[in-house]
PDB file of N, CA and C in Angstrom:
ATOM      1  N   MET A   1     -18.757   9.639 -21.320  1.00  0.00           N
ATOM      2  CA  MET A   1     -18.690   8.511 -20.407  1.00  0.00           C
ATOM      3  C   MET A   1     -19.095   7.229 -21.139  1.00  0.00           C
ATOM      4  N   SER A   2     -18.576   7.098 -22.292  1.00  0.00           N
ATOM      5  CA  SER A   2     -18.870   5.948 -23.134  1.00  0.00           C
ATOM      6  C   SER A   2     -18.395   4.654 -22.479  1.00  0.00           C
ATOM      7  N   GLY A   3     -19.207   3.611 -22.596  1.00  0.00           N
ATOM      8  CA  GLY A   3     -18.853   2.318 -22.045  1.00  0.00           C
ATOM      9  C   GLY A   3     -19.272   2.116 -20.605  1.00  0.00           C
ATOM     10  N   TYR A   4     -19.732   3.159 -19.968  1.00  0.00           N
ATOM     11  CA  TYR A   4     -20.158   3.043 -18.585  1.00  0.00           C
ATOM     12  C   TYR A   4     -21.632   2.680 -18.517  1.00  0.00           C
ATOM     13  N   ILE A   5     -22.053   2.189 -17.356  1.00  0.00           N
ATOM     14  CA  ILE A   5     -23.460   1.959 -17.084  1.00  0.00           C
ATOM     15  C   ILE A   5     -23.853   2.883 -15.943  1.00  0.00           C
ATOM     16  N   TYR A   6     -25.159   3.035 -15.726  1.00  0.00           N
ATOM     17  CA  TYR A   6     -25.640   4.044 -14.782  1.00  0.00           C
ATOM     18  C   TYR A   6     -26.702   3.460 -13.860  1.00  0.00           C
ATOM     19  N   HIS A   7     -26.688   3.957 -12.633  1.00  0.00           N
ATOM     20  CA  HIS A   7     -27.684   3.544 -11.650  1.00  0.00           C
ATOM     21  C   HIS A   7     -28.275   4.782 -10.996  1.00  0.00           C
ATOM     22  N   LEU A   8     -29.603   4.827 -10.906  1.00  0.00           N
ATOM     23  CA  LEU A   8     -30.313   5.913 -10.232  1.00  0.00           C
ATOM     24  C   LEU A   8     -30.527   5.533  -8.776  1.00  0.00           C
ATOM     25  N   THR A   9     -30.229   6.450  -7.895  1.00  0.00           N
ATOM     26  CA  THR A   9     -30.447   6.215  -6.470  1.00  0.00           C
ATOM     27  C   THR A   9     -30.632   7.561  -5.777  1.00  0.00           C
ATOM     28  N   THR A  10     -30.816   7.515  -4.483  1.00  0.00           N
ATOM     29  CA  THR A  10     -30.909   8.763  -3.725  1.00  0.00           C
ATOM     30  C   THR A  10     -29.530   9.154  -3.207  1.00  0.00           C
ATOM     31  N   GLN A  11     -29.362  10.423  -2.964  1.00  0.00           N
ATOM     32  CA  GLN A  11     -28.101  10.905  -2.389  1.00  0.00           C
ATOM     33  C   GLN A  11     -27.848  10.219  -1.047  1.00  0.00           C
ATOM     34  N   ALA A  12     -28.908  10.037  -0.253  1.00  0.00           N
ATOM     35  CA  ALA A  12     -28.771   9.404   1.065  1.00  0.00           C
ATOM     36  C   ALA A  12     -28.290   7.955   0.937  1.00  0.00           C
ATOM     37  N   ALA A  13     -28.857   7.201   0.001  1.00  0.00           N
ATOM     38  CA  ALA A  13     -28.453   5.799  -0.183  1.00  0.00           C
ATOM     39  C   ALA A  13     -27.011   5.714  -0.670  1.00  0.00           C
ATOM     40  N   TRP A  14     -26.619   6.610  -1.575  1.00  0.00           N
ATOM     41  CA  TRP A  14     -25.239   6.612  -2.065  1.00  0.00           C
ATOM     42  C   TRP A  14     -24.277   6.981  -0.940  1.00  0.00           C
ATOM     43  N   SER A  15     -24.623   7.960  -0.114  1.00  0.00           N
ATOM     44  CA  SER A  15     -23.767   8.341   1.018  1.00  0.00           C
ATOM     45  C   SER A  15     -23.590   7.173   1.980  1.00  0.00           C
ATOM     46  N   GLU A  16     -24.649   6.441   2.220  1.00  0.00           N
ATOM     47  CA  GLU A  16     -24.581   5.266   3.089  1.00  0.00           C
ATOM     48  C   GLU A  16     -23.657   4.203   2.472  1.00  0.00           C
ATOM     49  N   GLY A  17     -23.783   3.998   1.163  1.00  0.00           N
ATOM     50  CA  GLY A  17     -22.930   3.038   0.471  1.00  0.00           C
ATOM     51  C   GLY A  17     -21.467   3.428   0.508  1.00  0.00           C
ATOM     52  N   LYS A  18     -21.189   4.711   0.335  1.00  0.00           N
ATOM     53  CA  LYS A  18     -19.800   5.179   0.405  1.00  0.00           C
ATOM     54  C   LYS A  18     -19.219   4.914   1.786  1.00  0.00           C
ATOM     55  N   SER A  19     -20.001   5.170   2.816  1.00  0.00           N
ATOM     56  CA  SER A  19     -19.531   4.933   4.190  1.00  0.00           C
ATOM     57  C   SER A  19     -19.249   3.451   4.432  1.00  0.00           C
ATOM     58  N   ALA A  20     -20.064   2.588   3.823  1.00  0.00           N
ATOM     59  CA  ALA A  20     -19.910   1.140   4.001  1.00  0.00           C
ATOM     60  C   ALA A  20     -18.836   0.550   3.094  1.00  0.00           C
ATOM     61  N   GLY A  21     -18.394   1.311   2.076  1.00  0.00           N
ATOM     62  CA  GLY A  21     -17.398   0.813   1.134  1.00  0.00           C
ATOM     63  C   GLY A  21     -17.987   0.080  -0.053  1.00  0.00           C
ATOM     64  N   GLU A  22     -19.316  -0.134  -0.036  1.00  0.00           N
ATOM     65  CA  GLU A  22     -20.013  -0.731  -1.166  1.00  0.00           C
ATOM     66  C   GLU A  22     -21.470  -0.298  -1.116  1.00  0.00           C
ATOM     67  N   TYR A  23     -22.068  -0.215  -2.292  1.00  0.00           N
ATOM     68  CA  TYR A  23     -23.459   0.231  -2.400  1.00  0.00           C
ATOM     69  C   TYR A  23     -24.374  -0.968  -2.616  1.00  0.00           C
ATOM     70  N   ARG A  24     -25.467  -0.981  -1.889  1.00  0.00           N
ATOM     71  CA  ARG A  24     -26.513  -1.992  -2.066  1.00  0.00           C
ATOM     72  C   ARG A  24     -27.836  -1.264  -2.281  1.00  0.00           C
ATOM     73  N   SER A  25     -28.713  -1.848  -3.084  1.00  0.00           N
ATOM     74  CA  SER A  25     -30.018  -1.233  -3.314  1.00  0.00           C
ATOM     75  C   SER A  25     -31.118  -2.138  -2.782  1.00  0.00           C
ATOM     76  N   GLU A  26     -32.312  -1.574  -2.633  1.00  0.00           N
ATOM     77  CA  GLU A  26     -33.459  -2.374  -2.218  1.00  0.00           C
ATOM     78  C   GLU A  26     -33.725  -3.499  -3.210  1.00  0.00           C
ATOM     79  N   SER A  27     -33.551  -3.213  -4.498  1.00  0.00           N
ATOM     80  CA  SER A  27     -33.848  -4.228  -5.516  1.00  0.00           C
ATOM     81  C   SER A  27     -32.920  -5.432  -5.397  1.00  0.00           C
ATOM     82  N   GLU A  28     -31.711  -5.212  -4.907  1.00  0.00           N
ATOM     83  CA  GLU A  28     -30.795  -6.338  -4.744  1.00  0.00           C
ATOM     84  C   GLU A  28     -31.366  -7.343  -3.744  1.00  0.00           C
ATOM     85  N   GLY A  29     -31.913  -6.832  -2.659  1.00  0.00           N
ATOM     86  CA  GLY A  29     -32.511  -7.702  -1.657  1.00  0.00           C
ATOM     87  C   GLY A  29     -33.808  -8.337  -2.122  1.00  0.00           C
ATOM     88  N   GLN A  30     -34.586  -7.602  -2.915  1.00  0.00           N
ATOM     89  CA  GLN A  30     -35.887  -8.093  -3.364  1.00  0.00           C
ATOM     90  C   GLN A  30     -35.802  -8.952  -4.622  1.00  0.00           C
ATOM     91  N   GLU A  31     -34.982  -8.546  -5.584  1.00  0.00           N
ATOM     92  CA  GLU A  31     -34.933  -9.222  -6.882  1.00  0.00           C
ATOM     93  C   GLU A  31     -33.613  -9.947  -7.143  1.00  0.00           C
ATOM     94  N   GLY A  32     -32.625  -9.689  -6.305  1.00  0.00           N
ATOM     95  CA  GLY A  32     -31.343 -10.360  -6.467  1.00  0.00           C
ATOM     96  C   GLY A  32     -30.326  -9.595  -7.285  1.00  0.00           C
ATOM     97  N   PHE A  33     -30.700  -8.416  -7.792  1.00  0.00           N
ATOM     98  CA  PHE A  33     -29.765  -7.631  -8.592  1.00  0.00           C
ATOM     99  C   PHE A  33     -30.065  -6.143  -8.457  1.00  0.00           C
ATOM    100  N   ILE A  34     -29.104  -5.334  -8.867  1.00  0.00           N
ATOM    101  CA  ILE A  34     -29.247  -3.879  -8.880  1.00  0.00           C
ATOM    102  C   ILE A  34     -29.539  -3.457 -10.319  1.00  0.00           C
ATOM    103  N   HIS A  35     -30.641  -2.753 -10.500  1.00  0.00           N
ATOM    104  CA  HIS A  35     -31.029  -2.258 -11.822  1.00  0.00           C
ATOM    105  C   HIS A  35     -30.090  -1.160 -12.284  1.00  0.00           C
ATOM    106  N   CYS A  36     -29.651  -1.232 -13.532  1.00  0.00           N
ATOM    107  CA  CYS A  36     -28.836  -0.187 -14.138  1.00  0.00           C
ATOM    108  C   CYS A  36     -29.355   0.079 -15.549  1.00  0.00           C
ATOM    109  N   SER A  37     -28.777   1.063 -16.192  1.00  0.00           N
ATOM    110  CA  SER A  37     -29.148   1.447 -17.551  1.00  0.00           C
ATOM    111  C   SER A  37     -27.902   1.835 -18.310  1.00  0.00           C
ATOM    112  N   ASN A  38     -28.004   1.847 -19.627  1.00  0.00           N
ATOM    113  CA  ASN A  38     -26.930   2.454 -20.403  1.00  0.00           C
ATOM    114  C   ASN A  38     -27.300   3.923 -20.607  1.00  0.00           C
ATOM    115  N   ALA A  39     -26.448   4.678 -21.248  1.00  0.00           N
ATOM    116  CA  ALA A  39     -26.667   6.123 -21.389  1.00  0.00           C
ATOM    117  C   ALA A  39     -27.951   6.453 -22.144  1.00  0.00           C
ATOM    118  N   SER A  40     -28.323   5.626 -23.114  1.00  0.00           N
ATOM    119  CA  SER A  40     -29.535   5.919 -23.894  1.00  0.00           C
ATOM    120  C   SER A  40     -30.817   5.517 -23.164  1.00  0.00           C
ATOM    121  N   GLN A  41     -30.718   4.771 -22.080  1.00  0.00           N
ATOM    122  CA  GLN A  41     -31.901   4.303 -21.346  1.00  0.00           C
ATOM    123  C   GLN A  41     -32.201   5.115 -20.095  1.00  0.00           C
ATOM    124  N   ILE A  42     -31.207   5.755 -19.531  1.00  0.00           N
ATOM    125  CA  ILE A  42     -31.326   6.329 -18.190  1.00  0.00           C
ATOM    126  C   ILE A  42     -32.426   7.382 -18.075  1.00  0.00           C
ATOM    127  N   LEU A  43     -32.579   8.228 -19.062  1.00  0.00           N
ATOM    128  CA  LEU A  43     -33.582   9.289 -18.977  1.00  0.00           C
ATOM    129  C   LEU A  43     -34.995   8.710 -19.022  1.00  0.00           C
ATOM    130  N   ARG A  44     -35.223   7.738 -19.883  1.00  0.00           N
ATOM    131  CA  ARG A  44     -36.544   7.107 -19.958  1.00  0.00           C
ATOM    132  C   ARG A  44     -36.900   6.424 -18.633  1.00  0.00           C
ATOM    133  N   VAL A  45     -35.939   5.742 -18.049  1.00  0.00           N
ATOM    134  CA  VAL A  45     -36.162   5.080 -16.762  1.00  0.00           C
ATOM    135  C   VAL A  45     -36.475   6.117 -15.684  1.00  0.00           C
ATOM    136  N   ALA A  46     -35.701   7.178 -15.636  1.00  0.00           N
ATOM    137  CA  ALA A  46     -35.920   8.223 -14.623  1.00  0.00           C
ATOM    138  C   ALA A  46     -37.307   8.826 -14.728  1.00  0.00           C
ATOM    139  N   ASN A  47     -37.729   9.161 -15.939  1.00  0.00           N
ATOM    140  CA  ASN A  47     -39.023   9.808 -16.114  1.00  0.00           C
ATOM    141  C   ASN A  47     -40.194   8.843 -15.968  1.00  0.00           C
ATOM    142  N   LYS A  48     -39.957   7.558 -16.104  1.00  0.00           N
ATOM    143  CA  LYS A  48     -41.022   6.579 -15.906  1.00  0.00           C
ATOM    144  C   LYS A  48     -41.215   6.245 -14.428  1.00  0.00           C
ATOM    145  N   TYR A  49     -40.121   6.082 -13.693  1.00  0.00           N
ATOM    146  CA  TYR A  49     -40.200   5.585 -12.322  1.00  0.00           C
ATOM    147  C   TYR A  49     -39.933   6.623 -11.230  1.00  0.00           C
ATOM    148  N   TYR A  50     -39.317   7.757 -11.572  1.00  0.00           N
ATOM    149  CA  TYR A  50     -38.898   8.698 -10.537  1.00  0.00           C
ATOM    150  C   TYR A  50     -39.388  10.130 -10.752  1.00  0.00           C
ATOM    151  N   THR A  51     -40.358  10.338 -11.606  1.00  0.00           N
ATOM    152  CA  THR A  51     -40.855  11.687 -11.897  1.00  0.00           C
ATOM    153  C   THR A  51     -41.152  12.450 -10.603  1.00  0.00           C
ATOM    154  N   GLY A  52     -40.597  13.649 -10.519  1.00  0.00           N
ATOM    155  CA  GLY A  52     -40.865  14.532  -9.394  1.00  0.00           C
ATOM    156  C   GLY A  52     -40.052  14.253  -8.136  1.00  0.00           C
ATOM    157  N   ARG A  53     -39.281  13.202  -8.104  1.00  0.00           N
ATOM    158  CA  ARG A  53     -38.495  12.890  -6.900  1.00  0.00           C
ATOM    159  C   ARG A  53     -37.242  13.743  -6.831  1.00  0.00           C
ATOM    160  N   SER A  54     -37.022  14.324  -5.684  1.00  0.00           N
ATOM    161  CA  SER A  54     -35.807  15.114  -5.487  1.00  0.00           C
ATOM    162  C   SER A  54     -34.798  14.290  -4.697  1.00  0.00           C
ATOM    163  N   GLY A  55     -33.584  14.798  -4.606  1.00  0.00           N
ATOM    164  CA  GLY A  55     -32.539  14.116  -3.861  1.00  0.00           C
ATOM    165  C   GLY A  55     -31.940  12.928  -4.589  1.00  0.00           C
ATOM    166  N   MET A  56     -32.121  12.886  -5.921  1.00  0.00           N
ATOM    167  CA  MET A  56     -31.628  11.763  -6.712  1.00  0.00           C
ATOM    168  C   MET A  56     -30.221  12.049  -7.235  1.00  0.00           C
ATOM    169  N   VAL A  57     -29.474  10.984  -7.488  1.00  0.00           N
ATOM    170  CA  VAL A  57     -28.164  11.055  -8.135  1.00  0.00           C
ATOM    171  C   VAL A  57     -28.072   9.916  -9.149  1.00  0.00           C
ATOM    172  N   ILE A  58     -27.202  10.104 -10.115  1.00  0.00           N
ATOM    173  CA  ILE A  58     -26.878   9.050 -11.068  1.00  0.00           C
ATOM    174  C   ILE A  58     -25.441   8.623 -10.787  1.00  0.00           C
ATOM    175  N   LEU A  59     -25.241   7.329 -10.596  1.00  0.00           N
ATOM    176  CA  LEU A  59     -23.899   6.789 -10.422  1.00  0.00           C
ATOM    177  C   LEU A  59     -23.394   6.308 -11.767  1.00  0.00           C
ATOM    178  N   GLY A  60     -22.232   6.773 -12.177  1.00  0.00           N
ATOM    179  CA  GLY A  60     -21.562   6.288 -13.380  1.00  0.00           C
ATOM    180  C   GLY A  60     -20.636   5.154 -12.976  1.00  0.00           C
ATOM    181  N   ILE A  61     -20.851   3.983 -13.553  1.00  0.00           N
ATOM    182  CA  ILE A  61     -20.149   2.772 -13.131  1.00  0.00           C
ATOM    183  C   ILE A  61     -19.294   2.235 -14.272  1.00  0.00           C
ATOM    184  N   ASP A  62     -18.043   1.946 -13.979  1.00  0.00           N
ATOM    185  CA  ASP A  62     -17.139   1.324 -14.940  1.00  0.00           C
ATOM    186  C   ASP A  62     -17.272  -0.188 -14.776  1.00  0.00           C
ATOM    187  N   PRO A  63     -17.904  -0.875 -15.750  1.00  0.00           N
ATOM    188  CA  PRO A  63     -18.114  -2.320 -15.611  1.00  0.00           C
ATOM    189  C   PRO A  63     -16.837  -3.123 -15.411  1.00  0.00           C
ATOM    190  N   SER A  64     -15.716  -2.640 -15.940  1.00  0.00           N
ATOM    191  CA  SER A  64     -14.462  -3.389 -15.801  1.00  0.00           C
ATOM    192  C   SER A  64     -13.937  -3.382 -14.361  1.00  0.00           C
ATOM    193  N   LYS A  65     -14.468  -2.503 -13.528  1.00  0.00           N
ATOM    194  CA  LYS A  65     -14.018  -2.420 -12.136  1.00  0.00           C
ATOM    195  C   LYS A  65     -14.972  -3.102 -11.156  1.00  0.00           C
ATOM    196  N   LEU A  66     -16.090  -3.623 -11.653  1.00  0.00           N
ATOM    197  CA  LEU A  66     -17.054  -4.292 -10.784  1.00  0.00           C
ATOM    198  C   LEU A  66     -16.510  -5.616 -10.273  1.00  0.00           C
ATOM    199  N   ARG A  67     -16.768  -5.896  -9.023  1.00  0.00           N
ATOM    200  CA  ARG A  67     -16.446  -7.212  -8.460  1.00  0.00           C
ATOM    201  C   ARG A  67     -17.632  -8.167  -8.633  1.00  0.00           C
ATOM    202  N   ALA A  68     -18.841  -7.631  -8.613  1.00  0.00           N
ATOM    203  CA  ALA A  68     -20.056  -8.436  -8.760  1.00  0.00           C
ATOM    204  C   ALA A  68     -20.293  -8.771 -10.228  1.00  0.00           C
ATOM    205  N   ASP A  69     -21.097  -9.772 -10.458  1.00  0.00           N
ATOM    206  CA  ASP A  69     -21.434 -10.231 -11.801  1.00  0.00           C
ATOM    207  C   ASP A  69     -22.361  -9.234 -12.498  1.00  0.00           C
ATOM    208  N   LEU A  70     -22.053  -8.886 -13.731  1.00  0.00           N
ATOM    209  CA  LEU A  70     -22.878  -8.001 -14.557  1.00  0.00           C
ATOM    210  C   LEU A  70     -23.502  -8.831 -15.670  1.00  0.00           C
ATOM    211  N   ARG A  71     -24.819  -8.743 -15.795  1.00  0.00           N
ATOM    212  CA  ARG A  71     -25.539  -9.460 -16.850  1.00  0.00           C
ATOM    213  C   ARG A  71     -26.446  -8.483 -17.581  1.00  0.00           C
ATOM    214  N   TRP A  72     -26.541  -8.656 -18.899  1.00  0.00           N
ATOM    215  CA  TRP A  72     -27.457  -7.869 -19.724  1.00  0.00           C
ATOM    216  C   TRP A  72     -28.707  -8.709 -19.950  1.00  0.00           C
ATOM    217  N   GLU A  73     -29.838  -8.209 -19.430  1.00  0.00           N
ATOM    218  CA  GLU A  73     -31.066  -8.989 -19.440  1.00  0.00           C
ATOM    219  C   GLU A  73     -32.246  -8.145 -19.910  1.00  0.00           C
ATOM    220  N   PRO A  74     -33.324  -8.809 -20.376  1.00  0.00           N
ATOM    221  CA  PRO A  74     -34.499  -8.072 -20.858  1.00  0.00           C
ATOM    222  C   PRO A  74     -35.117  -7.202 -19.772  1.00  0.00           C
ATOM    223  N   GLY A  75     -35.619  -6.044 -20.197  1.00  0.00           N
ATOM    224  CA  GLY A  75     -36.330  -5.159 -19.292  1.00  0.00           C
ATOM    225  C   GLY A  75     -37.777  -5.596 -19.130  1.00  0.00           C
ATOM    226  N   SER A  76     -38.442  -5.061 -18.122  1.00  0.00           N
ATOM    227  CA  SER A  76     -39.828  -5.452 -17.867  1.00  0.00           C
ATOM    228  C   SER A  76     -40.807  -4.805 -18.836  1.00  0.00           C
ATOM    229  N   ASP A  77     -40.512  -3.594 -19.288  1.00  0.00           N
ATOM    230  CA  ASP A  77     -41.458  -2.917 -20.188  1.00  0.00           C
ATOM    231  C   ASP A  77     -41.157  -3.161 -21.665  1.00  0.00           C
ATOM    232  N   LYS A  78     -39.927  -3.525 -21.979  1.00  0.00           N
ATOM    233  CA  LYS A  78     -39.519  -3.820 -23.358  1.00  0.00           C
ATOM    234  C   LYS A  78     -38.631  -5.061 -23.326  1.00  0.00           C
ATOM    235  N   PRO A  79     -39.218  -6.250 -23.382  1.00  0.00           N
ATOM    236  CA  PRO A  79     -38.414  -7.477 -23.263  1.00  0.00           C
ATOM    237  C   PRO A  79     -37.328  -7.627 -24.329  1.00  0.00           C
ATOM    238  N   GLU A  80     -37.493  -6.942 -25.445  1.00  0.00           N
ATOM    239  CA  GLU A  80     -36.479  -7.035 -26.500  1.00  0.00           C
ATOM    240  C   GLU A  80     -35.268  -6.138 -26.219  1.00  0.00           C
ATOM    241  N   GLU A  81     -35.383  -5.267 -25.228  1.00  0.00           N
ATOM    242  CA  GLU A  81     -34.299  -4.348 -24.884  1.00  0.00           C
ATOM    243  C   GLU A  81     -33.545  -4.881 -23.665  1.00  0.00           C
ATOM    244  N   LEU A  82     -32.228  -4.959 -23.771  1.00  0.00           N
ATOM    245  CA  LEU A  82     -31.421  -5.474 -22.669  1.00  0.00           C
ATOM    246  C   LEU A  82     -30.948  -4.345 -21.752  1.00  0.00           C
ATOM    247  N   PHE A  83     -31.008  -4.612 -20.459  1.00  0.00           N
ATOM    248  CA  PHE A  83     -30.554  -3.684 -19.435  1.00  0.00           C
ATOM    249  C   PHE A  83     -29.445  -4.346 -18.622  1.00  0.00           C
ATOM    250  N   PRO A  84     -28.482  -3.553 -18.136  1.00  0.00           N
ATOM    251  CA  PRO A  84     -27.443  -4.116 -17.276  1.00  0.00           C
ATOM    252  C   PRO A  84     -27.975  -4.328 -15.859  1.00  0.00           C
ATOM    253  N   HIS A  85     -27.746  -5.514 -15.329  1.00  0.00           N
ATOM    254  CA  HIS A  85     -28.120  -5.858 -13.960  1.00  0.00           C
ATOM    255  C   HIS A  85     -26.872  -6.328 -13.231  1.00  0.00           C
ATOM    256  N   ILE A  86     -26.657  -5.802 -12.032  1.00  0.00           N
ATOM    257  CA  ILE A  86     -25.492  -6.158 -11.232  1.00  0.00           C
ATOM    258  C   ILE A  86     -25.943  -7.090 -10.114  1.00  0.00           C
ATOM    259  N   TYR A  87     -25.386  -8.297 -10.098  1.00  0.00           N
ATOM    260  CA  TYR A  87     -25.747  -9.316  -9.125  1.00  0.00           C
ATOM    261  C   TYR A  87     -24.787  -9.288  -7.937  1.00  0.00           C
ATOM    262  N   GLY A  88     -25.054  -8.348  -7.056  1.00  0.00           N
ATOM    263  CA  GLY A  88     -24.234  -8.155  -5.865  1.00  0.00           C
ATOM    264  C   GLY A  88     -24.042  -6.676  -5.628  1.00  0.00           C
ATOM    265  N   PRO A  89     -23.355  -6.325  -4.565  1.00  0.00           N
ATOM    266  CA  PRO A  89     -23.136  -4.910  -4.265  1.00  0.00           C
ATOM    267  C   PRO A  89     -22.191  -4.259  -5.274  1.00  0.00           C
ATOM    268  N   ILE A  90     -22.288  -2.953  -5.368  1.00  0.00           N
ATOM    269  CA  ILE A  90     -21.387  -2.179  -6.228  1.00  0.00           C
ATOM    270  C   ILE A  90     -20.223  -1.706  -5.363  1.00  0.00           C
ATOM    271  N   ASN A  91     -19.042  -2.206  -5.671  1.00  0.00           N
ATOM    272  CA  ASN A  91     -17.854  -1.783  -4.934  1.00  0.00           C
ATOM    273  C   ASN A  91     -17.539  -0.322  -5.278  1.00  0.00           C
ATOM    274  N   GLN A  92     -17.088   0.401  -4.287  1.00  0.00           N
ATOM    275  CA  GLN A  92     -16.915   1.856  -4.403  1.00  0.00           C
ATOM    276  C   GLN A  92     -15.993   2.264  -5.547  1.00  0.00           C
ATOM    277  N   GLU A  93     -14.928   1.504  -5.807  1.00  0.00           N
ATOM    278  CA  GLU A  93     -13.991   1.907  -6.864  1.00  0.00           C
ATOM    279  C   GLU A  93     -14.577   1.750  -8.264  1.00  0.00           C
ATOM    280  N   ALA A  94     -15.682   1.025  -8.413  1.00  0.00           N
ATOM    281  CA  ALA A  94     -16.341   0.896  -9.717  1.00  0.00           C
ATOM    282  C   ALA A  94     -17.152   2.142 -10.061  1.00  0.00           C
ATOM    283  N   VAL A  95     -17.491   2.947  -9.051  1.00  0.00           N
ATOM    284  CA  VAL A  95     -18.251   4.194  -9.278  1.00  0.00           C
ATOM    285  C   VAL A  95     -17.253   5.283  -9.624  1.00  0.00           C
ATOM    286  N   VAL A  96     -17.246   5.660 -10.894  1.00  0.00           N
ATOM    287  CA  VAL A  96     -16.247   6.611 -11.382  1.00  0.00           C
ATOM    288  C   VAL A  96     -16.798   8.026 -11.548  1.00  0.00           C
ATOM    289  N   ALA A  97     -18.111   8.174 -11.377  1.00  0.00           N
ATOM    290  CA  ALA A  97     -18.730   9.499 -11.480  1.00  0.00           C
ATOM    291  C   ALA A  97     -20.041   9.500 -10.722  1.00  0.00           C
ATOM    292  N   MET A  98     -20.424  10.667 -10.254  1.00  0.00           N
ATOM    293  CA  MET A  98     -21.708  10.849  -9.591  1.00  0.00           C
ATOM    294  C   MET A  98     -22.270  12.174 -10.068  1.00  0.00           C
ATOM    295  N   PHE A  99     -23.520  12.144 -10.531  1.00  0.00           N
ATOM    296  CA  PHE A  99     -24.182  13.338 -11.044  1.00  0.00           C
ATOM    297  C   PHE A  99     -25.395  13.651 -10.184  1.00  0.00           C
ATOM    298  N   ASP A 100     -25.504  14.890  -9.696  1.00  0.00           N
ATOM    299  CA  ASP A 100     -26.741  15.319  -9.051  1.00  0.00           C
ATOM    300  C   ASP A 100     -27.832  15.285 -10.108  1.00  0.00           C
ATOM    301  N   PHE A 101     -29.024  14.856  -9.724  1.00  0.00           N
ATOM    302  CA  PHE A 101     -30.080  14.621 -10.705  1.00  0.00           C
ATOM    303  C   PHE A 101     -31.409  15.088 -10.137  1.00  0.00           C
ATOM    304  N   SER A 102     -31.759  16.325 -10.443  1.00  0.00           N
ATOM    305  CA  SER A 102     -32.999  16.912  -9.942  1.00  0.00           C
ATOM    306  C   SER A 102     -33.978  17.123 -11.085  1.00  0.00           C
ATOM    307  N   PRO A 103     -35.260  16.913 -10.821  1.00  0.00           N
ATOM    308  CA  PRO A 103     -36.251  17.143 -11.871  1.00  0.00           C
ATOM    309  C   PRO A 103     -36.472  18.637 -12.100  1.00  0.00           C
ATOM    310  N   GLY A 104     -37.002  18.951 -13.270  1.00  0.00           N
ATOM    311  CA  GLY A 104     -37.387  20.327 -13.563  1.00  0.00           C
ATOM    312  C   GLY A 104     -38.685  20.671 -12.862  1.00  0.00           C
ATOM    313  N   GLN A 105     -39.174  21.881 -13.071  1.00  0.00           N
ATOM    314  CA  GLN A 105     -40.404  22.326 -12.423  1.00  0.00           C
ATOM    315  C   GLN A 105     -41.599  21.452 -12.792  1.00  0.00           C
ATOM    316  N   ASP A 106     -41.553  20.822 -13.965  1.00  0.00           N
ATOM    317  CA  ASP A 106     -42.647  19.949 -14.390  1.00  0.00           C
ATOM    318  C   ASP A 106     -42.510  18.526 -13.852  1.00  0.00           C
ATOM    319  N   GLY A 107     -41.461  18.265 -13.050  1.00  0.00           N
ATOM    320  CA  GLY A 107     -41.241  16.957 -12.471  1.00  0.00           C
ATOM    321  C   GLY A 107     -40.442  16.011 -13.346  1.00  0.00           C
ATOM    322  N   MET A 108     -40.162  16.423 -14.571  1.00  0.00           N
ATOM    323  CA  MET A 108     -39.432  15.578 -15.521  1.00  0.00           C
ATOM    324  C   MET A 108     -37.931  15.847 -15.424  1.00  0.00           C
ATOM    325  N   PHE A 109     -37.147  14.825 -15.766  1.00  0.00           N
ATOM    326  CA  PHE A 109     -35.701  14.922 -15.705  1.00  0.00           C
ATOM    327  C   PHE A 109     -35.111  15.220 -17.075  1.00  0.00           C
ATOM    328  N   SER A 110     -33.955  15.864 -17.060  1.00  0.00           N
ATOM    329  CA  SER A 110     -33.111  16.071 -18.241  1.00  0.00           C
ATOM    330  C   SER A 110     -31.737  15.547 -17.881  1.00  0.00           C
ATOM    331  N   LEU A 111     -31.023  15.047 -18.879  1.00  0.00           N
ATOM    332  CA  LEU A 111     -29.687  14.520 -18.595  1.00  0.00           C
ATOM    333  C   LEU A 111     -28.757  15.614 -18.093  1.00  0.00           C
ATOM    334  N   PRO A 112     -27.992  15.325 -17.057  1.00  0.00           N
ATOM    335  CA  PRO A 112     -27.030  16.313 -16.576  1.00  0.00           C
ATOM    336  C   PRO A 112     -25.868  16.465 -17.558  1.00  0.00           C
ATOM    337  N   ALA A 113     -25.293  17.645 -17.553  1.00  0.00           N
ATOM    338  CA  ALA A 113     -24.128  17.909 -18.401  1.00  0.00           C
ATOM    339  C   ALA A 113     -23.011  16.929 -18.039  1.00  0.00           C
ATOM    340  N   GLY A 114     -22.334  16.424 -19.037  1.00  0.00           N
ATOM    341  CA  GLY A 114     -21.219  15.527 -18.805  1.00  0.00           C
ATOM    342  C   GLY A 114     -21.577  14.053 -18.820  1.00  0.00           C
ATOM    343  N   LEU A 115     -22.863  13.725 -18.803  1.00  0.00           N
ATOM    344  CA  LEU A 115     -23.224  12.315 -18.781  1.00  0.00           C
ATOM    345  C   LEU A 115     -23.045  11.669 -20.139  1.00  0.00           C
ATOM    346  N   MET A 116     -23.372  12.350 -21.199  1.00  0.00           N
ATOM    347  CA  MET A 116     -23.286  11.743 -22.531  1.00  0.00           C
ATOM    348  C   MET A 116     -21.928  11.949 -23.128  1.00  0.00           C
TER     349      MET A 116
END
């Protein structure tokens, strides 16, 4: 899935977004954008912020299909590292893959098959 960006969310939030025709996150309302990661960042983000959470999914997003503005900006924990941020809702056709994402018994995540 080279060239894609990824967003972590709950299955419930993604189902709601699919029904609405576009996905919105809490961070969009609070910070003005939806947090995303590239393939090399997603696991670190998951294990830092979502350890032990069940019901998670990873959305694979094709940036060329986004209607909202995509910007690469510094992260909060590593300002020298750029993360993709989507300024607006994610239109459904931009989501080209969805991966179930459950933690292991120790609460830590491993990348699902097919993501890399």
